[in-house]
Amino acid sequence: MKTAFPIDLVILWVNGSGPDFIAQRNLWAQKNGESVSHARYVQNNELRYLLRSVEKFLPWIRRVVLV
């Protein structure tokens, strides 16, 4: 399928198991008196499945930018 104009896709992603992210997350939760569930940030290959789906179902996407 061709579109009249090229479309780019921007994906916002954070490595939930990265030590820097975990430290920031825990600091924020501690300051705000909240508990953080580890299960919320477990990596289950979501990025891999997302990119495969884009390739298969969105052929008109010109460029994928991962931020």
N, C-alpha and C. Protein backbone atom coordinates (compact mmCIF):
# COMPACT_ATOMS: atom_id res chain seq x y z
N MET A 1 0.85 -1.18 0.00
CA MET A 1 0.00 0.00 0.00
C MET A 1 0.89 1.24 0.00
N LYS A 2 0.66 2.11 -0.91
CA LYS A 2 1.40 3.37 -1.00
C LYS A 2 0.54 4.48 -0.43
N THR A 3 1.18 5.39 0.29
CA THR A 3 0.47 6.56 0.78
C THR A 3 0.94 7.77 0.01
N ALA A 4 0.18 8.83 0.10
CA ALA A 4 0.51 10.05 -0.63
C ALA A 4 1.74 10.73 -0.03
N PHE A 5 2.03 10.44 1.22
CA PHE A 5 3.18 11.05 1.88
C PHE A 5 3.83 10.01 2.78
N PRO A 6 5.14 10.09 2.94
CA PRO A 6 5.82 9.12 3.80
C PRO A 6 5.47 9.33 5.27
N ILE A 7 5.38 8.22 5.99
CA ILE A 7 5.03 8.27 7.41
C ILE A 7 6.17 7.65 8.21
N ASP A 8 6.58 8.34 9.25
CA ASP A 8 7.59 7.82 10.17
C ASP A 8 6.89 7.41 11.46
N LEU A 9 7.48 6.46 12.16
CA LEU A 9 6.94 5.98 13.43
C LEU A 9 7.97 6.23 14.51
N VAL A 10 7.55 6.88 15.60
CA VAL A 10 8.42 7.13 16.74
C VAL A 10 7.96 6.25 17.90
N ILE A 11 8.88 5.45 18.43
CA ILE A 11 8.57 4.54 19.52
C ILE A 11 9.34 5.00 20.75
N LEU A 12 8.62 5.25 21.83
CA LEU A 12 9.24 5.62 23.10
C LEU A 12 9.41 4.35 23.93
N TRP A 13 10.63 4.06 24.35
CA TRP A 13 10.91 2.81 25.05
C TRP A 13 11.93 3.04 26.14
N VAL A 14 11.74 2.34 27.26
CA VAL A 14 12.67 2.39 28.38
C VAL A 14 13.02 0.95 28.76
N ASN A 15 14.30 0.70 28.98
CA ASN A 15 14.72 -0.61 29.45
C ASN A 15 14.39 -0.69 30.94
N GLY A 16 13.31 -1.38 31.25
CA GLY A 16 12.84 -1.47 32.63
C GLY A 16 13.75 -2.25 33.55
N SER A 17 14.72 -2.98 33.00
CA SER A 17 15.63 -3.75 33.84
C SER A 17 17.00 -3.09 33.95
N GLY A 18 17.16 -1.92 33.40
CA GLY A 18 18.43 -1.20 33.48
C GLY A 18 18.67 -0.66 34.88
N PRO A 19 19.89 -0.78 35.38
CA PRO A 19 20.17 -0.35 36.77
C PRO A 19 19.93 1.15 36.98
N ASP A 20 20.21 1.97 36.00
CA ASP A 20 19.97 3.42 36.15
C ASP A 20 18.48 3.70 36.26
N PHE A 21 17.70 3.04 35.43
CA PHE A 21 16.25 3.24 35.48
C PHE A 21 15.68 2.77 36.81
N ILE A 22 16.13 1.62 37.29
CA ILE A 22 15.63 1.08 38.56
C ILE A 22 15.95 2.04 39.71
N ALA A 23 17.15 2.59 39.71
CA ALA A 23 17.53 3.54 40.77
C ALA A 23 16.65 4.78 40.71
N GLN A 24 16.43 5.33 39.53
CA GLN A 24 15.57 6.53 39.39
C GLN A 24 14.14 6.22 39.81
N ARG A 25 13.64 5.06 39.37
CA ARG A 25 12.26 4.66 39.70
C ARG A 25 12.08 4.52 41.20
N ASN A 26 13.03 3.86 41.87
CA ASN A 26 12.93 3.67 43.32
C ASN A 26 13.04 4.99 44.07
N LEU A 27 13.91 5.87 43.60
CA LEU A 27 14.05 7.19 44.23
C LEU A 27 12.76 7.98 44.13
N TRP A 28 12.16 7.98 42.94
CA TRP A 28 10.91 8.70 42.73
C TRP A 28 9.80 8.13 43.63
N ALA A 29 9.71 6.80 43.68
CA ALA A 29 8.67 6.16 44.49
C ALA A 29 8.86 6.47 45.97
N GLN A 30 10.10 6.48 46.41
CA GLN A 30 10.39 6.77 47.81
C GLN A 30 10.01 8.20 48.16
N LYS A 31 10.32 9.14 47.28
CA LYS A 31 9.98 10.54 47.53
C LYS A 31 8.48 10.77 47.58
N ASN A 32 7.73 10.01 46.79
CA ASN A 32 6.29 10.19 46.71
C ASN A 32 5.51 9.22 47.59
N GLY A 33 6.20 8.41 48.36
CA GLY A 33 5.55 7.49 49.28
C GLY A 33 4.73 6.42 48.58
N GLU A 34 5.17 6.01 47.40
CA GLU A 34 4.45 5.00 46.63
C GLU A 34 5.28 3.74 46.52
N SER A 35 4.60 2.63 46.31
CA SER A 35 5.31 1.37 46.06
C SER A 35 5.31 1.12 44.55
N VAL A 36 6.37 0.49 44.10
CA VAL A 36 6.52 0.21 42.67
C VAL A 36 6.55 -1.29 42.48
N SER A 37 5.67 -1.78 41.64
CA SER A 37 5.63 -3.21 41.35
C SER A 37 6.69 -3.56 40.31
N HIS A 38 7.55 -4.51 40.66
CA HIS A 38 8.59 -4.95 39.72
C HIS A 38 7.97 -5.55 38.46
N ALA A 39 6.84 -6.22 38.60
CA ALA A 39 6.19 -6.87 37.46
C ALA A 39 5.79 -5.88 36.37
N ARG A 40 5.57 -4.65 36.74
CA ARG A 40 5.17 -3.63 35.75
C ARG A 40 6.27 -3.33 34.75
N TYR A 41 7.52 -3.54 35.13
CA TYR A 41 8.64 -3.16 34.29
C TYR A 41 9.44 -4.34 33.75
N VAL A 42 8.91 -5.55 33.86
CA VAL A 42 9.60 -6.73 33.34
C VAL A 42 9.55 -6.71 31.81
N GLN A 43 10.69 -7.02 31.19
CA GLN A 43 10.77 -7.04 29.73
C GLN A 43 10.30 -8.40 29.21
N ASN A 44 9.32 -8.39 28.32
CA ASN A 44 8.79 -9.61 27.73
C ASN A 44 8.90 -9.57 26.21
N ASN A 45 9.97 -9.01 25.71
CA ASN A 45 10.22 -8.91 24.27
C ASN A 45 9.16 -8.08 23.55
N GLU A 46 8.58 -7.11 24.24
CA GLU A 46 7.56 -6.27 23.62
C GLU A 46 8.11 -5.52 22.42
N LEU A 47 9.34 -5.04 22.54
CA LEU A 47 9.94 -4.28 21.46
C LEU A 47 10.12 -5.15 20.21
N ARG A 48 10.54 -6.36 20.39
CA ARG A 48 10.72 -7.28 19.26
C ARG A 48 9.39 -7.53 18.55
N TYR A 49 8.35 -7.80 19.31
CA TYR A 49 7.04 -8.06 18.72
C TYR A 49 6.46 -6.82 18.07
N LEU A 50 6.70 -5.67 18.66
CA LEU A 50 6.23 -4.41 18.07
C LEU A 50 6.87 -4.19 16.71
N LEU A 51 8.19 -4.35 16.63
CA LEU A 51 8.87 -4.12 15.36
C LEU A 51 8.47 -5.15 14.31
N ARG A 52 8.27 -6.39 14.70
CA ARG A 52 7.79 -7.41 13.75
C ARG A 52 6.39 -7.06 13.25
N SER A 53 5.54 -6.58 14.12
CA SER A 53 4.18 -6.20 13.71
C SER A 53 4.19 -5.02 12.76
N VAL A 54 5.06 -4.05 13.03
CA VAL A 54 5.17 -2.90 12.13
C VAL A 54 5.60 -3.38 10.75
N GLU A 55 6.58 -4.25 10.71
CA GLU A 55 7.06 -4.77 9.42
C GLU A 55 5.97 -5.53 8.67
N LYS A 56 5.19 -6.29 9.39
CA LYS A 56 4.18 -7.13 8.74
C LYS A 56 2.90 -6.37 8.38
N PHE A 57 2.41 -5.52 9.27
CA PHE A 57 1.10 -4.92 9.09
C PHE A 57 1.11 -3.45 8.68
N LEU A 58 2.25 -2.79 8.74
CA LEU A 58 2.33 -1.37 8.39
C LEU A 58 3.43 -1.14 7.34
N PRO A 59 3.27 -1.67 6.17
CA PRO A 59 4.35 -1.55 5.16
C PRO A 59 4.56 -0.13 4.66
N TRP A 60 3.64 0.78 4.92
CA TRP A 60 3.79 2.14 4.45
C TRP A 60 4.65 3.00 5.38
N ILE A 61 5.08 2.44 6.52
CA ILE A 61 5.96 3.18 7.42
C ILE A 61 7.34 3.30 6.77
N ARG A 62 7.81 4.52 6.62
CA ARG A 62 9.10 4.75 5.96
C ARG A 62 10.26 4.48 6.90
N ARG A 63 10.17 5.00 8.11
CA ARG A 63 11.29 4.93 9.04
C ARG A 63 10.75 4.73 10.45
N VAL A 64 11.44 3.92 11.23
CA VAL A 64 11.10 3.71 12.64
C VAL A 64 12.21 4.33 13.47
N VAL A 65 11.82 5.21 14.39
CA VAL A 65 12.77 5.89 15.27
C VAL A 65 12.49 5.41 16.69
N LEU A 66 13.51 4.85 17.31
CA LEU A 66 13.38 4.36 18.68
C LEU A 66 14.03 5.36 19.62
N VAL A 67 13.23 5.89 20.55
CA VAL A 67 13.72 6.90 21.49
C VAL A 67 13.75 6.31 22.87
